[in-house]
Amino acid sequence: MASTVLAVIVGGAVAVMGLWWHNTPAIHGYGDWLTNAGRITGLLAGYGVVVLVALMARLPPLERGVGADRLARWHARGGRYVASLVVAHGLLITWGYAVTAHANVVSQSKTLLTSYPNVLMASVAGLMLVGVGVVSMRAARRRMRYETWYFLHFYTYLAVALAFSHQFATGAEFMNNAAARAGWGGMYAVVAAAILWWRLVVPVRSAWRQQLRVESVRRESDDVVSLIITGPRVQELATEPGQFFRWRFLTRDMWWASNPYSLSAPPQPDRLRITVKTLGDHSAKLAALRPGTRVIAEGPYGALTASRRSNRKVLLIAGGVGVTPLRALFQSLPARDGDLTFLYRAGRDDEVIFRDELRAIADRRKARLHIVTGHRAQLGHDPLSSASLTRNIPDLDRHDVYICGPAGMTGGVTQALRCAGVPGRRIHRESFEF
């Protein structure tokens, strides 16, 4: 599925280049070359921003076929390219027009902003897109709350709206080409409709039917709580162990936030359980929720499910609070005695959650459970290195491996598994980051 989606995205980019080629006469002179380079980067930026929005539209086929984690990585990487294209478009077009008009860049910039239709709006849109790209950089993202980062991303929609009319007003590919205008506008309209349907209509309709409420809140540790969510039609959500929802708790100070939390136990016909570690303002408030609080669950999302499995033996590797979806899989994955192994990595012993539950599941299912705590300096080795994994699990290359935890941990473990001979198609991972 992932390769098919990438092929479609690349095919669309090729079609955009074909649109430029079809509407471009012979190029003469330095200014013409610069201007056409600006046209190309502008078209690709206009196409790229639609792709970015579509990746985050929460389309069920993409979420389940590709995985929310991988889609988020594509979105982040693509955002850097689109921001670069937007900057390059503005600079190249201005420079090219200045060379052709025998003017300096400053005066040409003023002419473009004041005389060309919708260029000022497009410039504001470009600055918004670049700003969103800057705050999404890893260094900046670590210094802000999830809620701040989340709401800043809504400026992307405003930027797209501001820039859209500029493309038709000044784009040489669209001014005299009705078919191109229809196709380009249709692309934007389809993605906008998908956003409205899957991010607004479907969640509201589901909330009306499900009537979900908080039944109870249980503290697992000083900074981890579990919530039991109940409702008369929970089974209609058709969720699987390993998936997550975007949860909205309808209290005075939490209703506006929608945060992703995984199920930490297999779904029951009338209830779901999530387990959350305090990492920000929203998660910190969950411990104080009262029974009976109304809940909206948007989803399910994620592809870290049993359907990805292709081998008889399974290894689950959890890091920190990444244990939550894997604990649900540990209980529910079909496996014969000795075919299921759970490796749980935590920095300190008091950070281990579900210790008793995991031991009970391992005893009942005759599965292997390894809980490894302590930092590398204390242990004298890396328990998630290729050598350590191979030593503890001799037939490692015959396992399907599910990984969940911080991004650095999942990336390192994936590399270690590949070095140990585990094929990439048998490695299924999800990282907890935004």
Protein backbone atom coordinates (compact mmCIF):
# COMPACT_ATOMS: atom_id res chain seq x y z
CA MET A 1 0.00 0.00 0.00
CA ALA A 2 2.77 2.44 0.93
CA SER A 3 4.60 1.96 -2.37
CA THR A 4 1.34 2.47 -4.29
CA VAL A 5 0.63 5.74 -2.48
CA LEU A 6 4.17 6.98 -3.16
CA ALA A 7 3.82 6.03 -6.82
CA VAL A 8 0.60 8.04 -7.07
CA ILE A 9 2.25 11.07 -5.44
CA VAL A 10 5.24 10.89 -7.80
CA GLY A 11 2.90 10.40 -10.77
CA GLY A 12 1.05 13.56 -9.80
CA ALA A 13 4.31 15.51 -9.66
CA VAL A 14 5.21 14.25 -13.15
CA ALA A 15 1.78 15.34 -14.40
CA VAL A 16 2.40 18.82 -12.93
CA MET A 17 5.68 19.02 -14.83
CA GLY A 18 3.81 17.95 -17.96
CA LEU A 19 1.35 20.81 -17.44
CA TRP A 20 4.24 23.29 -17.32
CA TRP A 21 5.84 21.75 -20.43
CA HIS A 22 2.59 21.89 -22.40
CA ASN A 23 2.09 25.60 -21.65
CA THR A 24 5.69 26.73 -22.12
CA PRO A 25 6.94 28.08 -25.46
CA ALA A 26 10.63 28.24 -26.31
CA ILE A 27 12.75 29.76 -23.52
CA HIS A 28 15.08 32.59 -24.44
CA GLY A 29 17.44 34.47 -22.20
CA TYR A 30 18.51 34.39 -18.59
CA GLY A 31 15.38 36.10 -17.31
CA ASP A 32 13.17 33.56 -19.07
CA TRP A 33 15.04 30.67 -17.51
CA LEU A 34 14.68 32.17 -14.03
CA THR A 35 10.99 32.90 -14.54
CA ASN A 36 10.24 29.36 -15.70
CA ALA A 37 12.18 27.90 -12.82
CA GLY A 38 9.90 30.01 -10.62
CA ARG A 39 6.83 28.67 -12.44
CA ILE A 40 7.95 25.08 -11.91
CA THR A 41 8.65 25.54 -8.20
CA GLY A 42 5.31 27.35 -7.80
CA LEU A 43 3.37 24.54 -9.46
CA LEU A 44 5.14 21.88 -7.42
CA ALA A 45 4.54 23.88 -4.23
CA GLY A 46 0.83 24.19 -5.07
CA TYR A 47 0.65 20.45 -5.71
CA GLY A 48 2.79 19.59 -2.70
CA VAL A 49 0.65 21.47 -0.20
CA VAL A 50 -2.41 19.50 -1.38
CA VAL A 51 -0.51 16.25 -0.88
CA LEU A 52 0.53 17.34 2.62
CA VAL A 53 -3.06 18.12 3.58
CA ALA A 54 -4.32 14.85 2.07
CA LEU A 55 -1.78 12.82 4.07
CA MET A 56 -3.18 14.28 7.28
CA ALA A 57 -6.85 14.13 6.23
CA ARG A 58 -7.26 10.94 8.31
CA LEU A 59 -8.52 8.91 5.37
CA PRO A 60 -9.20 5.38 6.65
CA PRO A 61 -7.58 3.59 3.65
CA LEU A 62 -4.36 5.57 4.18
CA GLU A 63 -4.40 5.32 7.97
CA ARG A 64 -4.88 1.55 7.91
CA GLY A 65 -2.94 0.70 4.78
CA VAL A 66 0.10 2.93 5.36
CA GLY A 67 -0.07 3.72 9.07
CA ALA A 68 -0.49 7.02 10.87
CA ASP A 69 3.13 7.02 12.03
CA ARG A 70 4.53 6.64 8.52
CA LEU A 71 2.09 9.21 7.13
CA ALA A 72 3.27 11.68 9.78
CA ARG A 73 6.90 11.10 8.76
CA TRP A 74 6.03 11.64 5.09
CA HIS A 75 4.11 14.78 6.03
CA ALA A 76 7.04 16.17 8.02
CA ARG A 77 9.58 15.43 5.28
CA GLY A 78 7.28 16.75 2.56
CA GLY A 79 6.65 19.92 4.56
CA ARG A 80 10.32 20.80 4.39
CA TYR A 81 10.31 20.35 0.62
CA VAL A 82 7.15 22.42 0.15
CA ALA A 83 8.47 25.26 2.33
CA SER A 84 11.68 25.27 0.26
CA LEU A 85 9.69 25.30 -2.98
CA VAL A 86 7.59 28.24 -1.76
CA VAL A 87 10.70 30.28 -0.93
CA ALA A 88 12.38 29.32 -4.22
CA HIS A 89 9.24 30.24 -6.19
CA GLY A 90 9.08 33.74 -4.76
CA LEU A 91 12.78 34.42 -5.23
CA LEU A 92 13.05 32.98 -8.74
CA ILE A 93 9.92 34.69 -10.09
CA THR A 94 10.98 38.07 -8.68
CA TRP A 95 14.53 37.69 -9.97
CA GLY A 96 13.38 36.53 -13.40
CA TYR A 97 10.92 39.40 -13.81
CA ALA A 98 13.58 41.86 -12.65
CA VAL A 99 16.09 40.60 -15.23
CA THR A 100 13.51 40.71 -18.03
CA ALA A 101 12.36 44.24 -17.07
CA HIS A 102 15.95 45.49 -16.50
CA ALA A 103 14.98 46.52 -12.96
CA ASN A 104 16.45 45.85 -9.56
CA VAL A 105 14.96 43.14 -7.36
CA VAL A 106 13.60 45.55 -4.73
CA SER A 107 11.61 47.65 -7.17
CA GLN A 108 10.39 44.54 -8.96
CA SER A 109 9.20 43.08 -5.65
CA LYS A 110 7.20 46.24 -4.99
CA THR A 111 5.67 46.06 -8.48
CA LEU A 112 4.64 42.43 -8.01
CA LEU A 113 3.07 43.09 -4.62
CA THR A 114 1.12 46.18 -5.67
CA SER A 115 0.29 45.60 -9.35
CA TYR A 116 -0.24 41.87 -9.85
CA PRO A 117 -3.55 40.37 -8.71
CA ASN A 118 -3.52 38.36 -5.46
CA VAL A 119 0.29 38.36 -5.17
CA LEU A 120 0.13 40.10 -1.79
CA MET A 121 -2.25 37.43 -0.45
CA ALA A 122 -0.02 34.72 -1.86
CA SER A 123 3.00 36.27 -0.17
CA VAL A 124 1.22 36.23 3.17
CA ALA A 125 0.27 32.60 2.52
CA GLY A 126 3.87 31.74 1.73
CA LEU A 127 5.08 33.31 4.96
CA MET A 128 2.47 31.30 6.88
CA LEU A 129 3.61 28.05 5.28
CA VAL A 130 7.25 28.78 6.01
CA GLY A 131 6.33 29.72 9.60
CA VAL A 132 4.49 26.44 10.11
CA GLY A 133 7.51 24.64 8.67
CA VAL A 134 9.84 26.38 11.11
CA VAL A 135 7.79 25.52 14.21
CA SER A 136 7.59 21.92 12.98
CA MET A 137 11.35 21.50 12.98
CA ARG A 138 12.43 19.01 15.62
CA ALA A 139 14.41 21.56 17.66
CA ALA A 140 11.46 23.98 17.80
CA ARG A 141 8.85 21.28 18.32
CA ARG A 142 10.54 19.98 21.44
CA ARG A 143 10.21 23.40 23.06
CA MET A 144 6.48 23.83 22.69
CA ARG A 145 3.37 22.15 23.97
CA TYR A 146 1.56 19.70 21.72
CA GLU A 147 -1.54 21.91 21.84
CA THR A 148 0.40 24.97 20.60
CA TRP A 149 1.99 23.03 17.76
CA TYR A 150 -1.36 21.47 16.84
CA PHE A 151 -3.25 24.75 16.55
CA LEU A 152 -0.45 26.52 14.69
CA HIS A 153 -0.93 23.92 11.97
CA PHE A 154 -4.42 25.24 11.28
CA TYR A 155 -2.73 28.21 9.59
CA THR A 156 -1.89 25.79 6.77
CA TYR A 157 -5.55 25.77 5.73
CA LEU A 158 -5.68 29.58 5.74
CA ALA A 159 -2.48 29.71 3.70
CA VAL A 160 -3.89 27.32 1.10
CA ALA A 161 -7.06 29.39 0.82
CA LEU A 162 -5.12 32.66 0.41
CA ALA A 163 -2.79 31.22 -2.24
CA PHE A 164 -5.42 29.43 -4.33
CA SER A 165 -6.78 32.43 -6.25
CA HIS A 166 -3.24 33.63 -6.99
CA GLN A 167 -2.56 30.45 -8.94
CA PHE A 168 -5.45 31.07 -11.34
CA ALA A 169 -4.97 34.84 -11.53
CA THR A 170 -1.28 34.86 -12.52
CA GLY A 171 -0.39 31.27 -13.38
CA ALA A 172 0.39 30.95 -17.07
CA GLU A 173 -0.77 27.32 -16.99
CA PHE A 174 -4.31 28.27 -15.96
CA MET A 175 -5.21 31.70 -17.35
CA ASN A 176 -6.17 30.41 -20.81
CA ASN A 177 -6.58 26.69 -20.14
CA ALA A 178 -10.05 25.77 -18.90
CA ALA A 179 -9.21 22.05 -18.62
CA ALA A 180 -6.18 22.79 -16.44
CA ARG A 181 -8.25 25.08 -14.21
CA ALA A 182 -10.92 22.41 -13.84
CA GLY A 183 -8.43 19.67 -13.01
CA TRP A 184 -6.43 21.80 -10.57
CA GLY A 185 -9.52 23.16 -8.87
CA GLY A 186 -11.01 19.67 -8.71
CA MET A 187 -7.90 18.38 -6.94
CA TYR A 188 -8.23 21.07 -4.28
CA ALA A 189 -11.98 20.50 -3.97
CA VAL A 190 -11.64 16.73 -3.48
CA VAL A 191 -9.07 17.16 -0.70
CA ALA A 192 -11.16 19.89 0.96
CA ALA A 193 -14.23 17.63 0.86
CA ALA A 194 -12.20 14.78 2.39
CA ILE A 195 -11.04 17.05 5.20
CA LEU A 196 -14.57 18.20 5.95
CA TRP A 197 -15.99 14.68 5.83
CA TRP A 198 -13.40 12.73 7.79
CA ARG A 199 -12.32 15.40 10.27
CA LEU A 200 -15.71 17.02 10.94
CA VAL A 201 -18.80 15.17 9.72
CA VAL A 202 -17.73 11.62 10.60
CA PRO A 203 -16.51 12.47 14.16
CA VAL A 204 -19.68 14.44 14.93
CA ARG A 205 -21.90 11.67 13.55
CA SER A 206 -19.95 9.03 15.47
CA ALA A 207 -20.14 11.02 18.70
CA TRP A 208 -23.89 11.34 18.35
CA ARG A 209 -24.29 7.58 17.91
CA GLN A 210 -21.68 6.31 20.36
CA GLN A 211 -22.55 8.42 23.42
CA LEU A 212 -19.18 7.63 24.98
CA ARG A 213 -18.45 8.54 28.59
CA VAL A 214 -15.65 8.16 31.11
CA GLU A 215 -16.53 5.30 33.45
CA SER A 216 -13.47 5.41 35.69
CA VAL A 217 -9.93 6.77 36.04
CA ARG A 218 -7.17 4.66 37.58
CA ARG A 219 -3.68 5.84 38.40
CA GLU A 220 -1.02 3.38 37.20
CA SER A 221 1.94 5.38 38.55
CA ASP A 222 2.80 8.93 39.58
CA ASP A 223 2.54 10.19 35.99
CA VAL A 224 0.45 7.52 34.22
CA VAL A 225 -3.32 7.06 34.31
CA SER A 226 -5.73 4.63 32.65
CA LEU A 227 -9.23 5.64 31.59
CA ILE A 228 -12.13 3.27 30.98
CA ILE A 229 -14.45 4.63 28.28
CA THR A 230 -17.90 3.08 27.92
CA GLY A 231 -20.77 3.40 25.47
CA PRO A 232 -23.74 1.38 24.17
CA ARG A 233 -22.31 0.98 20.64
CA VAL A 234 -18.57 0.61 21.19
CA GLN A 235 -18.47 -2.48 18.98
CA GLU A 236 -19.55 -0.36 15.99
CA LEU A 237 -16.20 1.43 16.10
CA ALA A 238 -14.63 -1.75 14.67
CA THR A 239 -11.30 -1.13 16.33
CA GLU A 240 -8.43 -3.59 16.61
CA PRO A 241 -5.76 -4.02 19.30
CA GLY A 242 -2.78 -1.83 18.46
CA GLN A 243 -4.83 1.07 17.09
CA PHE A 244 -5.47 4.50 18.55
CA PHE A 245 -8.15 7.18 18.58
CA ARG A 246 -8.02 10.95 18.74
CA TRP A 247 -9.85 11.73 21.97
CA ARG A 248 -11.80 14.84 22.84
CA PHE A 249 -13.03 15.13 26.44
CA LEU A 250 -15.97 17.49 26.71
CA THR A 251 -15.07 19.53 29.76
CA ARG A 252 -14.86 23.32 29.99
CA ASP A 253 -11.10 23.43 29.51
CA MET A 254 -10.48 20.32 27.36
CA TRP A 255 -13.24 20.19 24.72
CA TRP A 256 -11.19 22.08 22.09
CA ALA A 257 -8.23 19.64 22.10
CA SER A 258 -8.11 16.36 20.18
CA ASN A 259 -5.16 14.18 21.22
CA PRO A 260 -4.05 10.72 20.05
CA TYR A 261 -3.96 7.93 22.65
CA SER A 262 -3.66 4.20 21.97
CA LEU A 263 -5.83 1.46 23.41
CA SER A 264 -3.95 -0.33 26.18
CA ALA A 265 -6.21 -3.38 26.21
CA PRO A 266 -8.23 -5.24 23.56
CA PRO A 267 -11.59 -3.55 22.96
CA GLN A 268 -14.62 -4.98 24.73
CA PRO A 269 -18.18 -4.85 23.37
CA ASP A 270 -19.09 -1.96 25.69
CA ARG A 271 -15.77 -0.42 26.75
CA LEU A 272 -12.31 0.74 25.75
CA ARG A 273 -9.23 1.43 27.84
CA ILE A 274 -6.54 4.01 27.17
CA THR A 275 -3.42 4.66 29.23
CA VAL A 276 -1.72 8.05 29.14
CA LYS A 277 1.57 9.40 30.45
CA THR A 278 1.70 13.03 31.58
CA LEU A 279 3.65 14.83 28.86
CA GLY A 280 1.74 18.10 28.49
CA ASP A 281 -1.17 20.17 29.76
CA HIS A 282 -3.84 17.98 28.16
CA SER A 283 -2.54 14.66 29.45
CA ALA A 284 -1.98 16.14 32.93
CA LYS A 285 -5.68 17.01 33.24
CA LEU A 286 -6.90 13.48 32.49
CA ALA A 287 -6.30 12.29 36.05
CA ALA A 288 -8.90 14.79 37.30
CA LEU A 289 -11.67 13.74 34.88
CA ARG A 290 -14.92 12.82 36.57
CA PRO A 291 -16.91 9.67 35.78
CA GLY A 292 -19.67 10.52 33.35
CA THR A 293 -17.62 13.03 31.32
CA ARG A 294 -18.72 12.93 27.68
CA VAL A 295 -16.09 11.80 25.16
CA ILE A 296 -15.68 12.02 21.39
CA ALA A 297 -13.44 9.33 19.86
CA GLU A 298 -12.24 9.94 16.31
CA GLY A 299 -10.91 6.82 14.64
CA PRO A 300 -9.74 4.13 14.87
CA TYR A 301 -6.37 4.92 13.27
CA GLY A 302 -3.07 3.14 12.91
CA ALA A 303 -1.77 0.00 11.23
CA LEU A 304 0.10 -1.60 14.14
CA THR A 305 -2.33 -4.52 14.10
CA ALA A 306 -2.35 -8.29 13.81
CA SER A 307 -3.19 -8.01 10.10
CA ARG A 308 0.43 -6.97 9.42
CA ARG A 309 1.74 -10.26 10.75
CA SER A 310 3.19 -12.71 8.22
CA ASN A 311 5.13 -15.14 10.43
CA ARG A 312 4.23 -17.61 13.15
CA LYS A 313 6.59 -16.16 15.77
CA VAL A 314 6.17 -12.59 17.05
CA LEU A 315 8.43 -10.28 19.05
CA LEU A 316 6.96 -7.17 20.66
CA ILE A 317 9.45 -4.44 21.66
CA ALA A 318 8.13 -1.55 23.76
CA GLY A 319 9.90 1.56 24.97
CA GLY A 320 8.40 3.65 27.79
CA VAL A 321 4.73 4.47 27.31
CA GLY A 322 4.95 2.75 23.91
CA VAL A 323 3.94 -0.33 25.88
CA THR A 324 0.26 0.66 25.60
CA PRO A 325 -0.65 -0.65 22.11
CA LEU A 326 1.74 -3.60 22.43
CA ARG A 327 0.18 -4.65 25.73
CA ALA A 328 -3.14 -4.95 23.85
CA LEU A 329 -1.46 -7.02 21.14
CA PHE A 330 0.31 -9.18 23.74
CA GLN A 331 -3.06 -10.22 25.09
CA SER A 332 -4.82 -10.72 21.78
CA LEU A 333 -2.36 -11.93 19.11
CA PRO A 334 -3.01 -15.58 18.23
CA ALA A 335 0.08 -17.59 19.16
CA ARG A 336 1.09 -21.07 20.23
CA ASP A 337 3.12 -21.74 23.36
CA GLY A 338 6.56 -20.16 23.09
CA ASP A 339 5.85 -18.24 19.85
CA LEU A 340 5.22 -14.88 21.52
CA THR A 341 7.93 -12.74 23.16
CA PHE A 342 7.58 -9.33 24.81
CA LEU A 343 10.63 -7.12 25.44
CA TYR A 344 9.87 -4.02 27.53
CA ARG A 345 12.56 -1.35 27.88
CA ALA A 346 12.34 1.38 30.52
CA GLY A 347 14.85 3.81 31.98
CA ARG A 348 13.95 3.15 35.62
CA ASP A 349 12.18 0.38 37.46
CA ASP A 350 9.41 2.72 38.66
CA GLU A 351 8.65 3.67 35.04
CA VAL A 352 7.42 0.16 34.23
CA ILE A 353 3.64 0.05 33.90
CA PHE A 354 1.38 -2.99 33.60
CA ARG A 355 4.05 -5.15 35.24
CA ASP A 356 1.52 -7.43 36.93
CA GLU A 357 -0.77 -7.52 33.89
CA LEU A 358 2.09 -8.44 31.57
CA ARG A 359 3.26 -11.21 33.88
CA ALA A 360 -0.25 -12.61 34.14
CA ILE A 361 -0.66 -12.57 30.35
CA ALA A 362 2.76 -14.22 29.86
CA ASP A 363 1.91 -16.97 32.37
CA ARG A 364 -1.51 -17.60 30.89
CA ARG A 365 -0.27 -17.69 27.29
CA LYS A 366 3.08 -19.38 28.05
CA ALA A 367 4.83 -16.42 26.40
CA ARG A 368 8.26 -14.98 27.18
CA LEU A 369 8.47 -11.63 28.97
CA HIS A 370 11.68 -9.61 29.38
CA ILE A 371 11.53 -6.32 31.30
CA VAL A 372 14.83 -4.45 31.05
CA THR A 373 15.36 -1.32 33.13
CA GLY A 374 18.36 0.92 33.70
CA HIS A 375 20.49 3.14 31.50
CA ARG A 376 23.18 1.80 29.20
CA ALA A 377 25.97 2.96 31.52
CA GLN A 378 24.44 0.95 34.37
CA LEU A 379 23.81 -2.13 32.25
CA GLY A 380 27.20 -2.04 30.52
CA HIS A 381 25.62 -2.69 27.13
CA ASP A 382 22.70 -1.71 24.89
CA PRO A 383 19.92 -4.29 25.41
CA LEU A 384 18.33 -3.27 22.10
CA SER A 385 21.47 -3.63 19.98
CA SER A 386 21.71 -6.19 17.21
CA ALA A 387 24.08 -8.36 19.25
CA SER A 388 21.88 -8.28 22.38
CA LEU A 389 18.69 -9.05 20.50
CA THR A 390 20.29 -11.95 18.63
CA ARG A 391 21.78 -13.37 21.84
CA ASN A 392 18.48 -13.25 23.73
CA ILE A 393 16.33 -14.38 20.79
CA PRO A 394 18.42 -16.85 18.73
CA ASP A 395 15.82 -17.28 15.98
CA LEU A 396 15.20 -13.54 15.71
CA ASP A 397 15.17 -13.55 11.89
CA ARG A 398 12.13 -15.88 11.97
CA HIS A 399 9.98 -13.37 13.88
CA ASP A 400 7.61 -10.63 12.93
CA VAL A 401 8.60 -7.67 15.11
CA TYR A 402 6.30 -4.93 16.42
CA ILE A 403 8.01 -1.84 17.87
CA CYS A 404 6.51 1.12 19.68
CA GLY A 405 8.16 3.90 21.65
CA PRO A 406 10.02 7.19 21.22
CA ALA A 407 11.16 7.99 17.69
CA GLY A 408 14.87 7.59 18.48
CA MET A 409 14.30 4.21 20.06
CA THR A 410 12.14 2.84 17.25
CA GLY A 411 14.61 4.02 14.62
CA GLY A 412 17.57 2.47 16.45
CA VAL A 413 15.80 -0.84 17.01
CA THR A 414 14.71 -0.99 13.38
CA GLN A 415 18.31 -0.57 12.25
CA ALA A 416 19.48 -3.21 14.74
CA LEU A 417 16.86 -5.68 13.49
CA ARG A 418 17.86 -5.15 9.89
CA CYS A 419 21.50 -5.79 10.83
CA ALA A 420 20.35 -9.01 12.54
CA GLY A 421 18.75 -10.22 9.33
CA VAL A 422 15.09 -9.41 9.95
CA PRO A 423 13.50 -8.38 6.62
CA GLY A 424 12.02 -4.90 6.51
CA ARG A 425 8.58 -6.26 5.60
CA ARG A 426 8.45 -8.05 8.97
CA ILE A 427 9.24 -4.94 11.02
CA HIS A 428 6.15 -2.97 12.06
CA ARG A 429 6.76 0.18 14.05
CA GLU A 430 5.03 3.19 15.51
CA SER A 431 6.72 6.05 17.32
CA PHE A 432 5.19 8.40 19.87
CA GLU A 433 5.97 11.90 18.67
CA PHE A 434 4.09 14.82 17.07
